Amino acid sequence: MLKDFFRKPKYVTLKAESKERKDIPEGLWQKCARCGEIVFSKDLEKKWKVCSRCAYHFRLSAKERIEVTVDEGTFKEFNEEIASTNPLNFPEYDEKIKKAQEKTGLKEAVVTGEAMIQGNPVIIAIMDSNYIMGSMSSMVGEKITLAIEKAIENRLPLIIFSASGGARMQEGILSLMQMAKTSAALHRLSEEGILYISVFTDPTTGGVTASFASLGDIIIAEPDVLIGFAGPRVIEQTIKQKLPEGFQKAEFLLKHGLVDMVVQRKELTDVIGKILELHR
């Protein structure tokens, strides 16, 4: 029909002019999880990975934590050959381990070694949340325990930076046993009168919180760190009550006595250095 000839098509496809796309290197910019600010990665690194707009503390890898904490060139890693295993032959766990190792360059979720902090020798253990969310496996417990024993043997202060999503479910009871194992080792450290400084970083939850992370002679936390055993949603669903504002954040726990101090990252090395000097 004639009217069909003049009818406009329902959809019109426009062909845009092709333009050469310029690729932006991955990781060049980062977005702040709190305020949404887009930050140039190199500028962020110069500021201890703290947002200049809202002071949000980005998570650090174990390598980055070493760089911003210990005296330059003094860190000497030990037990680096200890790696994750699959003791229960859990399905697809071997592949998960392999991916985590390729992603982080680590063999396990914790790095241990000797170092100096403002001229004070220490034994240090640093958990990395990039490795299967810093979950505590049997080998994580083994490395932590060996670090504690090294501190006892050399009579050096122990510092542990915790960052964990809890026990590693793929290892079942073998993972949960590390809570008792590390706690028993810390009891021996305490009997020897050796200082243990525990530092909570984001997040520290589950079995790590319920064992070695909460047993420090002095417990420090970075600002706004999530600290707890079960997550807030699980607790609310269990007790059928609304939790207080800021529940399980570092500042809330400071107010209620679980944490001794909340310290900005840029001041953390100085604070630890002063504590070490006082306990020399």
C-alpha atoms as a PDB file:
ATOM      1  CA  MET A   1       0.000   0.000   0.000  1.00  0.00           C
ATOM      2  CA  LEU A   2       1.010   3.612  -0.592  1.00  0.00           C
ATOM      3  CA  LYS A   3       0.994   4.498   3.135  1.00  0.00           C
ATOM      4  CA  ASP A   4       3.500   1.688   3.807  1.00  0.00           C
ATOM      5  CA  PHE A   5       5.918   3.343   1.406  1.00  0.00           C
ATOM      6  CA  PHE A   6       6.049   6.540   3.517  1.00  0.00           C
ATOM      7  CA  ARG A   7       6.057   4.799   6.923  1.00  0.00           C
ATOM      8  CA  LYS A   8       9.180   5.484   8.996  1.00  0.00           C
ATOM      9  CA  PRO A   9      11.160   2.460  10.120  1.00  0.00           C
ATOM     10  CA  LYS A  10      10.769   1.613  13.804  1.00  0.00           C
ATOM     11  CA  TYR A  11      14.500   1.347  14.437  1.00  0.00           C
ATOM     12  CA  VAL A  12      17.287   3.295  12.838  1.00  0.00           C
ATOM     13  CA  THR A  13      20.885   2.098  13.036  1.00  0.00           C
ATOM     14  CA  LEU A  14      23.544   4.784  12.912  1.00  0.00           C
ATOM     15  CA  LYS A  15      27.070   3.820  12.091  1.00  0.00           C
ATOM     16  CA  ALA A  16      29.575   5.815  14.149  1.00  0.00           C
ATOM     17  CA  GLU A  17      32.828   6.872  12.661  1.00  0.00           C
ATOM     18  CA  SER A  18      35.582   4.502  13.684  1.00  0.00           C
ATOM     19  CA  LYS A  19      38.171   6.063  15.937  1.00  0.00           C
ATOM     20  CA  GLU A  20      41.437   4.591  17.137  1.00  0.00           C
ATOM     21  CA  ARG A  21      40.991   3.534  20.772  1.00  0.00           C
ATOM     22  CA  LYS A  22      43.722   4.461  23.193  1.00  0.00           C
ATOM     23  CA  ASP A  23      44.189   1.785  25.836  1.00  0.00           C
ATOM     24  CA  ILE A  24      44.721   2.947  29.411  1.00  0.00           C
ATOM     25  CA  PRO A  25      47.218   0.741  31.282  1.00  0.00           C
ATOM     26  CA  GLU A  26      45.545  -1.413  33.916  1.00  0.00           C
ATOM     27  CA  GLY A  27      46.067  -0.224  37.488  1.00  0.00           C
ATOM     28  CA  LEU A  28      46.910   3.362  36.471  1.00  0.00           C
ATOM     29  CA  TRP A  29      43.971   4.713  38.476  1.00  0.00           C
ATOM     30  CA  GLN A  30      42.163   3.443  41.572  1.00  0.00           C
ATOM     31  CA  LYS A  31      38.753   4.302  42.972  1.00  0.00           C
ATOM     32  CA  CYS A  32      38.349   4.985  46.693  1.00  0.00           C
ATOM     33  CA  ALA A  33      35.876   2.517  48.188  1.00  0.00           C
ATOM     34  CA  ARG A  34      34.585   5.122  50.653  1.00  0.00           C
ATOM     35  CA  CYS A  35      34.278   8.488  48.871  1.00  0.00           C
ATOM     36  CA  GLY A  36      34.493   7.350  45.233  1.00  0.00           C
ATOM     37  CA  GLU A  37      37.472   9.606  44.445  1.00  0.00           C
ATOM     38  CA  ILE A  38      39.496   8.483  41.411  1.00  0.00           C
ATOM     39  CA  VAL A  39      43.127   8.484  42.503  1.00  0.00           C
ATOM     40  CA  PHE A  40      46.309   8.236  40.426  1.00  0.00           C
ATOM     41  CA  SER A  41      48.002   5.027  41.639  1.00  0.00           C
ATOM     42  CA  LYS A  42      51.501   6.537  41.891  1.00  0.00           C
ATOM     43  CA  ASP A  43      50.189   9.428  43.990  1.00  0.00           C
ATOM     44  CA  LEU A  44      48.388   6.940  46.221  1.00  0.00           C
ATOM     45  CA  GLU A  45      51.593   4.962  46.805  1.00  0.00           C
ATOM     46  CA  LYS A  46      53.401   8.132  47.908  1.00  0.00           C
ATOM     47  CA  LYS A  47      50.757   8.616  50.618  1.00  0.00           C
ATOM     48  CA  TRP A  48      50.999   5.116  52.122  1.00  0.00           C
ATOM     49  CA  LYS A  49      47.941   4.116  50.012  1.00  0.00           C
ATOM     50  CA  VAL A  50      45.658   6.413  52.027  1.00  0.00           C
ATOM     51  CA  CYS A  51      43.001   8.485  50.226  1.00  0.00           C
ATOM     52  CA  SER A  52      43.902  12.185  50.453  1.00  0.00           C
ATOM     53  CA  ARG A  53      40.237  13.176  50.377  1.00  0.00           C
ATOM     54  CA  CYS A  54      38.646  10.946  53.072  1.00  0.00           C
ATOM     55  CA  ALA A  55      41.664   9.157  54.687  1.00  0.00           C
ATOM     56  CA  TYR A  56      40.360   5.738  53.631  1.00  0.00           C
ATOM     57  CA  HIS A  57      43.124   3.144  54.080  1.00  0.00           C
ATOM     58  CA  PHE A  58      43.473   0.945  51.018  1.00  0.00           C
ATOM     59  CA  ARG A  59      44.527  -2.638  51.706  1.00  0.00           C
ATOM     60  CA  LEU A  60      48.240  -3.399  51.396  1.00  0.00           C
ATOM     61  CA  SER A  61      49.903  -6.539  50.116  1.00  0.00           C
ATOM     62  CA  ALA A  62      52.526  -8.189  52.315  1.00  0.00           C
ATOM     63  CA  LYS A  63      55.270  -6.710  50.121  1.00  0.00           C
ATOM     64  CA  GLU A  64      53.798  -3.201  50.386  1.00  0.00           C
ATOM     65  CA  ARG A  65      53.421  -3.558  54.153  1.00  0.00           C
ATOM     66  CA  ILE A  66      57.094  -4.454  54.468  1.00  0.00           C
ATOM     67  CA  GLU A  67      58.083  -1.425  52.368  1.00  0.00           C
ATOM     68  CA  VAL A  68      56.132   1.056  54.524  1.00  0.00           C
ATOM     69  CA  THR A  69      56.944  -0.511  57.896  1.00  0.00           C
ATOM     70  CA  VAL A  70      60.498  -1.826  58.266  1.00  0.00           C
ATOM     71  CA  ASP A  71      63.850  -0.107  57.813  1.00  0.00           C
ATOM     72  CA  GLU A  72      64.876  -0.228  54.176  1.00  0.00           C
ATOM     73  CA  GLY A  73      66.888  -3.296  53.189  1.00  0.00           C
ATOM     74  CA  THR A  74      66.625  -5.009  56.584  1.00  0.00           C
ATOM     75  CA  PHE A  75      63.887  -7.581  55.912  1.00  0.00           C
ATOM     76  CA  LYS A  76      65.155 -11.161  55.639  1.00  0.00           C
ATOM     77  CA  GLU A  77      62.450 -13.703  54.932  1.00  0.00           C
ATOM     78  CA  PHE A  78      62.515 -17.182  56.453  1.00  0.00           C
ATOM     79  CA  ASN A  79      60.453 -20.343  55.852  1.00  0.00           C
ATOM     80  CA  GLU A  80      59.485 -18.987  52.423  1.00  0.00           C
ATOM     81  CA  GLU A  81      59.539 -22.571  51.061  1.00  0.00           C
ATOM     82  CA  ILE A  82      56.476 -23.534  53.143  1.00  0.00           C
ATOM     83  CA  ALA A  83      53.539 -23.637  50.738  1.00  0.00           C
ATOM     84  CA  SER A  84      49.823 -24.428  50.698  1.00  0.00           C
ATOM     85  CA  THR A  85      48.841 -28.076  50.335  1.00  0.00           C
ATOM     86  CA  ASN A  86      45.561 -29.939  49.851  1.00  0.00           C
ATOM     87  CA  PRO A  87      45.563 -32.344  52.827  1.00  0.00           C
ATOM     88  CA  LEU A  88      41.888 -33.333  52.457  1.00  0.00           C
ATOM     89  CA  ASN A  89      41.938 -33.560  48.637  1.00  0.00           C
ATOM     90  CA  PHE A  90      39.239 -30.908  48.522  1.00  0.00           C
ATOM     91  CA  PRO A  91      37.818 -30.544  44.975  1.00  0.00           C
ATOM     92  CA  GLU A  92      39.323 -27.676  42.918  1.00  0.00           C
ATOM     93  CA  TYR A  93      41.418 -26.511  45.877  1.00  0.00           C
ATOM     94  CA  ASP A  94      44.701 -27.199  44.052  1.00  0.00           C
ATOM     95  CA  GLU A  95      43.586 -24.901  41.223  1.00  0.00           C
ATOM     96  CA  LYS A  96      42.610 -22.208  43.733  1.00  0.00           C
ATOM     97  CA  ILE A  97      46.049 -22.418  45.361  1.00  0.00           C
ATOM     98  CA  LYS A  98      47.773 -22.172  41.994  1.00  0.00           C
ATOM     99  CA  LYS A  99      45.789 -19.066  41.010  1.00  0.00           C
ATOM    100  CA  ALA A 100      46.513 -17.413  44.372  1.00  0.00           C
ATOM    101  CA  GLN A 101      50.231 -18.119  44.030  1.00  0.00           C
ATOM    102  CA  GLU A 102      50.315 -16.718  40.489  1.00  0.00           C
ATOM    103  CA  LYS A 103      48.338 -13.627  41.529  1.00  0.00           C
ATOM    104  CA  THR A 104      50.441 -12.737  44.570  1.00  0.00           C
ATOM    105  CA  GLY A 105      53.829 -14.332  43.933  1.00  0.00           C
ATOM    106  CA  LEU A 106      53.526 -15.902  47.399  1.00  0.00           C
ATOM    107  CA  LYS A 107      53.423 -19.553  48.399  1.00  0.00           C
ATOM    108  CA  GLU A 108      51.102 -18.901  51.349  1.00  0.00           C
ATOM    109  CA  ALA A 109      48.934 -16.152  52.837  1.00  0.00           C
ATOM    110  CA  VAL A 110      51.574 -15.026  55.328  1.00  0.00           C
ATOM    111  CA  VAL A 111      55.154 -13.779  54.969  1.00  0.00           C
ATOM    112  CA  THR A 112      57.538 -14.151  57.922  1.00  0.00           C
ATOM    113  CA  GLY A 113      61.029 -12.854  58.546  1.00  0.00           C
ATOM    114  CA  GLU A 114      63.507 -10.801  60.573  1.00  0.00           C
ATOM    115  CA  ALA A 115      63.741  -7.025  60.196  1.00  0.00           C
ATOM    116  CA  MET A 116      64.601  -3.753  61.871  1.00  0.00           C
ATOM    117  CA  ILE A 117      62.051  -1.093  62.781  1.00  0.00           C
ATOM    118  CA  GLN A 118      63.679   2.241  63.572  1.00  0.00           C
ATOM    119  CA  GLY A 119      66.841   0.387  64.505  1.00  0.00           C
ATOM    120  CA  ASN A 120      65.090  -2.216  66.670  1.00  0.00           C
ATOM    121  CA  PRO A 121      65.426  -5.885  65.631  1.00  0.00           C
ATOM    122  CA  VAL A 122      62.119  -7.779  65.411  1.00  0.00           C
ATOM    123  CA  ILE A 123      60.510 -10.968  64.153  1.00  0.00           C
ATOM    124  CA  ILE A 124      57.626 -10.032  61.888  1.00  0.00           C
ATOM    125  CA  ALA A 125      54.724 -11.879  60.245  1.00  0.00           C
ATOM    126  CA  ILE A 126      52.488 -10.193  57.677  1.00  0.00           C
ATOM    127  CA  MET A 127      49.287 -11.709  56.327  1.00  0.00           C
ATOM    128  CA  ASP A 128      48.210 -10.919  52.760  1.00  0.00           C
ATOM    129  CA  SER A 129      44.475 -10.671  52.052  1.00  0.00           C
ATOM    130  CA  ASN A 130      45.139 -11.032  48.306  1.00  0.00           C
ATOM    131  CA  TYR A 131      45.965 -14.714  48.894  1.00  0.00           C
ATOM    132  CA  ILE A 132      42.582 -16.502  49.282  1.00  0.00           C
ATOM    133  CA  MET A 133      41.429 -13.604  51.484  1.00  0.00           C
ATOM    134  CA  GLY A 134      44.251 -14.225  53.961  1.00  0.00           C
ATOM    135  CA  SER A 135      42.491 -17.356  55.166  1.00  0.00           C
ATOM    136  CA  MET A 136      44.252 -19.431  57.824  1.00  0.00           C
ATOM    137  CA  SER A 137      45.398 -22.779  56.491  1.00  0.00           C
ATOM    138  CA  SER A 138      47.471 -25.403  58.273  1.00  0.00           C
ATOM    139  CA  MET A 139      50.578 -23.930  56.626  1.00  0.00           C
ATOM    140  CA  VAL A 140      49.677 -20.377  57.691  1.00  0.00           C
ATOM    141  CA  GLY A 141      49.441 -21.678  61.261  1.00  0.00           C
ATOM    142  CA  GLU A 142      52.762 -23.467  60.829  1.00  0.00           C
ATOM    143  CA  LYS A 143      54.551 -20.329  59.580  1.00  0.00           C
ATOM    144  CA  ILE A 144      53.081 -18.190  62.376  1.00  0.00           C
ATOM    145  CA  THR A 145      54.118 -20.774  64.974  1.00  0.00           C
ATOM    146  CA  LEU A 146      57.654 -21.016  63.590  1.00  0.00           C
ATOM    147  CA  ALA A 147      57.922 -17.207  63.687  1.00  0.00           C
ATOM    148  CA  ILE A 148      56.868 -17.237  67.358  1.00  0.00           C
ATOM    149  CA  GLU A 149      59.446 -19.927  68.127  1.00  0.00           C
ATOM    150  CA  LYS A 150      62.088 -17.872  66.296  1.00  0.00           C
ATOM    151  CA  ALA A 151      61.222 -14.880  68.497  1.00  0.00           C
ATOM    152  CA  ILE A 152      61.634 -17.063  71.602  1.00  0.00           C
ATOM    153  CA  GLU A 153      64.925 -18.526  70.366  1.00  0.00           C
ATOM    154  CA  ASN A 154      66.419 -15.113  69.578  1.00  0.00           C
ATOM    155  CA  ARG A 155      64.625 -13.242  72.385  1.00  0.00           C
ATOM    156  CA  LEU A 156      63.270 -10.671  69.933  1.00  0.00           C
ATOM    157  CA  PRO A 157      59.946  -8.807  69.969  1.00  0.00           C
ATOM    158  CA  LEU A 158      57.254 -10.293  67.743  1.00  0.00           C
ATOM    159  CA  ILE A 159      54.965  -8.252  65.483  1.00  0.00           C
ATOM    160  CA  ILE A 160      52.080  -9.798  63.551  1.00  0.00           C
ATOM    161  CA  PHE A 161      50.044  -7.842  60.996  1.00  0.00           C
ATOM    162  CA  SER A 162      46.770  -9.725  60.650  1.00  0.00           C
ATOM    163  CA  ALA A 163      44.479  -9.621  57.616  1.00  0.00           C
ATOM    164  CA  SER A 164      42.137 -12.560  57.214  1.00  0.00           C
ATOM    165  CA  GLY A 165      38.704 -13.751  56.236  1.00  0.00           C
ATOM    166  CA  GLY A 166      38.980 -16.579  58.781  1.00  0.00           C
ATOM    167  CA  ALA A 167      39.795 -20.272  58.674  1.00  0.00           C
ATOM    168  CA  ARG A 168      40.290 -21.873  55.256  1.00  0.00           C
ATOM    169  CA  MET A 169      37.232 -24.046  54.734  1.00  0.00           C
ATOM    170  CA  GLN A 170      38.992 -26.375  52.259  1.00  0.00           C
ATOM    171  CA  GLU A 171      41.160 -27.705  55.108  1.00  0.00           C
ATOM    172  CA  GLY A 172      38.398 -28.234  57.650  1.00  0.00           C
ATOM    173  CA  ILE A 173      39.512 -29.159  61.171  1.00  0.00           C
ATOM    174  CA  LEU A 174      43.193 -28.915  60.187  1.00  0.00           C
ATOM    175  CA  SER A 175      42.685 -25.201  59.714  1.00  0.00           C
ATOM    176  CA  LEU A 176      40.743 -24.770  62.967  1.00  0.00           C
ATOM    177  CA  MET A 177      43.512 -26.569  64.888  1.00  0.00           C
ATOM    178  CA  GLN A 178      45.840 -23.674  64.091  1.00  0.00           C
ATOM    179  CA  MET A 179      43.915 -21.502  66.543  1.00  0.00           C
ATOM    180  CA  ALA A 180      45.051 -23.655  69.457  1.00  0.00           C
ATOM    181  CA  LYS A 181      48.505 -24.229  67.991  1.00  0.00           C
ATOM    182  CA  THR A 182      49.365 -20.549  67.569  1.00  0.00           C
ATOM    183  CA  SER A 183      47.799 -19.623  70.917  1.00  0.00           C
ATOM    184  CA  ALA A 184      49.887 -22.239  72.732  1.00  0.00           C
ATOM    185  CA  ALA A 185      53.049 -20.919  71.071  1.00  0.00           C
ATOM    186  CA  LEU A 186      52.164 -17.364  72.149  1.00  0.00           C
ATOM    187  CA  HIS A 187      51.691 -18.588  75.722  1.00  0.00           C
ATOM    188  CA  ARG A 188      55.294 -19.825  75.672  1.00  0.00           C
ATOM    189  CA  LEU A 189      56.388 -16.441  74.275  1.00  0.00           C
ATOM    190  CA  SER A 190      54.563 -14.678  77.111  1.00  0.00           C
ATOM    191  CA  GLU A 191      56.169 -16.924  79.738  1.00  0.00           C
ATOM    192  CA  GLU A 192      59.555 -15.849  78.383  1.00  0.00           C
ATOM    193  CA  GLY A 193      58.574 -12.210  78.905  1.00  0.00           C
ATOM    194  CA  ILE A 194      58.956 -11.326  75.216  1.00  0.00           C
ATOM    195  CA  LEU A 195      56.899  -8.495  73.746  1.00  0.00           C
ATOM    196  CA  TYR A 196      54.182  -9.284  71.198  1.00  0.00           C
ATOM    197  CA  ILE A 197      52.552  -6.452  69.233  1.00  0.00           C
ATOM    198  CA  SER A 198      49.441  -7.413  67.269  1.00  0.00           C
ATOM    199  CA  VAL A 199      48.276  -5.122  64.466  1.00  0.00           C
ATOM    200  CA  PHE A 200      44.769  -5.461  63.008  1.00  0.00           C
ATOM    201  CA  THR A 201      44.493  -4.541  59.328  1.00  0.00           C
ATOM    202  CA  ASP A 202      41.418  -4.740  57.144  1.00  0.00           C
ATOM    203  CA  PRO A 203      39.770  -7.173  57.479  1.00  0.00           C
ATOM    204  CA  THR A 204      40.648  -9.370  60.456  1.00  0.00           C
ATOM    205  CA  THR A 205      37.896 -11.889  61.094  1.00  0.00           C
ATOM    206  CA  GLY A 206      37.085 -15.477  62.012  1.00  0.00           C
ATOM    207  CA  GLY A 207      39.612 -17.839  63.561  1.00  0.00           C
ATOM    208  CA  VAL A 208      42.499 -15.372  63.273  1.00  0.00           C
ATOM    209  CA  THR A 209      40.622 -12.852  65.431  1.00  0.00           C
ATOM    210  CA  ALA A 210      39.681 -15.643  67.852  1.00  0.00           C
ATOM    211  CA  SER A 211      43.310 -16.711  68.292  1.00  0.00           C
ATOM    212  CA  PHE A 212      46.676 -15.025  67.767  1.00  0.00           C
ATOM    213  CA  ALA A 213      45.423 -11.617  66.548  1.00  0.00           C
ATOM    214  CA  SER A 214      43.693 -10.907  69.874  1.00  0.00           C
ATOM    215  CA  LEU A 215      46.514 -12.118  72.132  1.00  0.00           C
ATOM    216  CA  GLY A 216      48.964  -9.246  71.760  1.00  0.00           C
ATOM    217  CA  ASP A 217      50.497  -7.513  74.768  1.00  0.00           C
ATOM    218  CA  ILE A 218      49.674  -4.358  72.821  1.00  0.00           C
ATOM    219  CA  ILE A 219      46.932  -4.409  70.176  1.00  0.00           C
ATOM    220  CA  ILE A 220      46.913  -1.732  67.474  1.00  0.00           C
ATOM    221  CA  ALA A 221      44.446  -1.249  64.628  1.00  0.00           C
ATOM    222  CA  GLU A 222      44.440   0.907  61.526  1.00  0.00           C
ATOM    223  CA  PRO A 223      41.401   3.217  61.148  1.00  0.00           C
ATOM    224  CA  ASP A 224      38.046   1.759  60.093  1.00  0.00           C
ATOM    225  CA  VAL A 225      39.334  -1.833  60.117  1.00  0.00           C
ATOM    226  CA  LEU A 226      36.693  -4.572  60.238  1.00  0.00           C
ATOM    227  CA  ILE A 227      37.404  -6.808  63.259  1.00  0.00           C
ATOM    228  CA  GLY A 228      35.230  -9.675  64.399  1.00  0.00           C
ATOM    229  CA  PHE A 229      34.527 -13.386  64.513  1.00  0.00           C
ATOM    230  CA  ALA A 230      31.226 -13.818  62.648  1.00  0.00           C
ATOM    231  CA  GLY A 231      30.086 -11.163  60.198  1.00  0.00           C
ATOM    232  CA  PRO A 232      27.521  -8.485  61.160  1.00  0.00           C
ATOM    233  CA  ARG A 233      24.761  -9.992  58.998  1.00  0.00           C
ATOM    234  CA  VAL A 234      25.235 -13.436  60.553  1.00  0.00           C
ATOM    235  CA  ILE A 235      25.073 -11.956  64.069  1.00  0.00           C
ATOM    236  CA  GLU A 236      21.938  -9.915  63.298  1.00  0.00           C
ATOM    237  CA  GLN A 237      20.194 -12.941  61.833  1.00  0.00           C
ATOM    238  CA  THR A 238      21.157 -15.041  64.864  1.00  0.00           C
ATOM    239  CA  ILE A 239      20.212 -12.659  67.688  1.00  0.00           C
ATOM    240  CA  LYS A 240      17.336 -11.002  65.742  1.00  0.00           C
ATOM    241  CA  GLN A 241      18.522  -7.536  66.755  1.00  0.00           C
ATOM    242  CA  LYS A 242      19.906  -4.509  64.949  1.00  0.00           C
ATOM    243  CA  LEU A 243      23.586  -3.968  65.725  1.00  0.00           C
ATOM    244  CA  PRO A 244      24.972  -0.580  66.912  1.00  0.00           C
ATOM    245  CA  GLU A 245      26.385   1.896  64.393  1.00  0.00           C
ATOM    246  CA  GLY A 246      29.995   1.066  63.518  1.00  0.00           C
ATOM    247  CA  PHE A 247      29.789  -2.364  65.171  1.00  0.00           C
ATOM    248  CA  GLN A 248      33.025  -4.396  64.618  1.00  0.00           C
ATOM    249  CA  LYS A 249      34.946  -1.372  63.349  1.00  0.00           C
ATOM    250  CA  ALA A 250      38.299  -0.527  64.990  1.00  0.00           C
ATOM    251  CA  GLU A 251      37.001   2.653  66.621  1.00  0.00           C
ATOM    252  CA  PHE A 252      34.028   0.828  68.180  1.00  0.00           C
ATOM    253  CA  LEU A 253      36.333  -1.873  69.568  1.00  0.00           C
ATOM    254  CA  LEU A 254      38.739   0.748  70.929  1.00  0.00           C
ATOM    255  CA  LYS A 255      35.847   2.260  72.858  1.00  0.00           C
ATOM    256  CA  HIS A 256      34.921  -1.163  74.261  1.00  0.00           C
ATOM    257  CA  GLY A 257      38.432  -2.260  75.224  1.00  0.00           C
ATOM    258  CA  LEU A 258      39.434  -4.879  72.653  1.00  0.00           C
ATOM    259  CA  VAL A 259      41.930  -2.559  70.926  1.00  0.00           C
ATOM    260  CA  ASP A 260      44.550  -0.461  72.728  1.00  0.00           C
ATOM    261  CA  MET A 261      44.961   2.198  70.056  1.00  0.00           C
ATOM    262  CA  VAL A 262      43.866   3.127  66.535  1.00  0.00           C
ATOM    263  CA  VAL A 263      46.765   4.566  64.538  1.00  0.00           C
ATOM    264  CA  GLN A 264      46.937   6.209  61.117  1.00  0.00           C
ATOM    265  CA  ARG A 265      49.168   4.272  58.717  1.00  0.00           C
ATOM    266  CA  LYS A 266      51.594   7.157  58.231  1.00  0.00           C
ATOM    267  CA  GLU A 267      52.196   7.204  62.015  1.00  0.00           C
ATOM    268  CA  LEU A 268      52.238   3.449  62.567  1.00  0.00           C
ATOM    269  CA  THR A 269      55.970   2.843  62.151  1.00  0.00           C
ATOM    270  CA  ASP A 270      56.808   5.665  64.585  1.00  0.00           C
ATOM    271  CA  VAL A 271      54.350   4.314  67.165  1.00  0.00           C
ATOM    272  CA  ILE A 272      55.728   0.773  66.896  1.00  0.00           C
ATOM    273  CA  GLY A 273      59.277   2.135  67.058  1.00  0.00           C
ATOM    274  CA  LYS A 274      58.525   4.011  70.298  1.00  0.00           C
ATOM    275  CA  ILE A 275      56.904   0.913  71.837  1.00  0.00           C
ATOM    276  CA  LEU A 276      59.956  -1.161  70.951  1.00  0.00           C
ATOM    277  CA  GLU A 277      62.271   1.436  72.479  1.00  0.00           C
ATOM    278  CA  LEU A 278      60.252   1.475  75.718  1.00  0.00           C
ATOM    279  CA  HIS A 279      60.378  -2.324  75.999  1.00  0.00           C
ATOM    280  CA  ARG A 280      64.005  -2.730  75.060  1.00  0.00           C
END
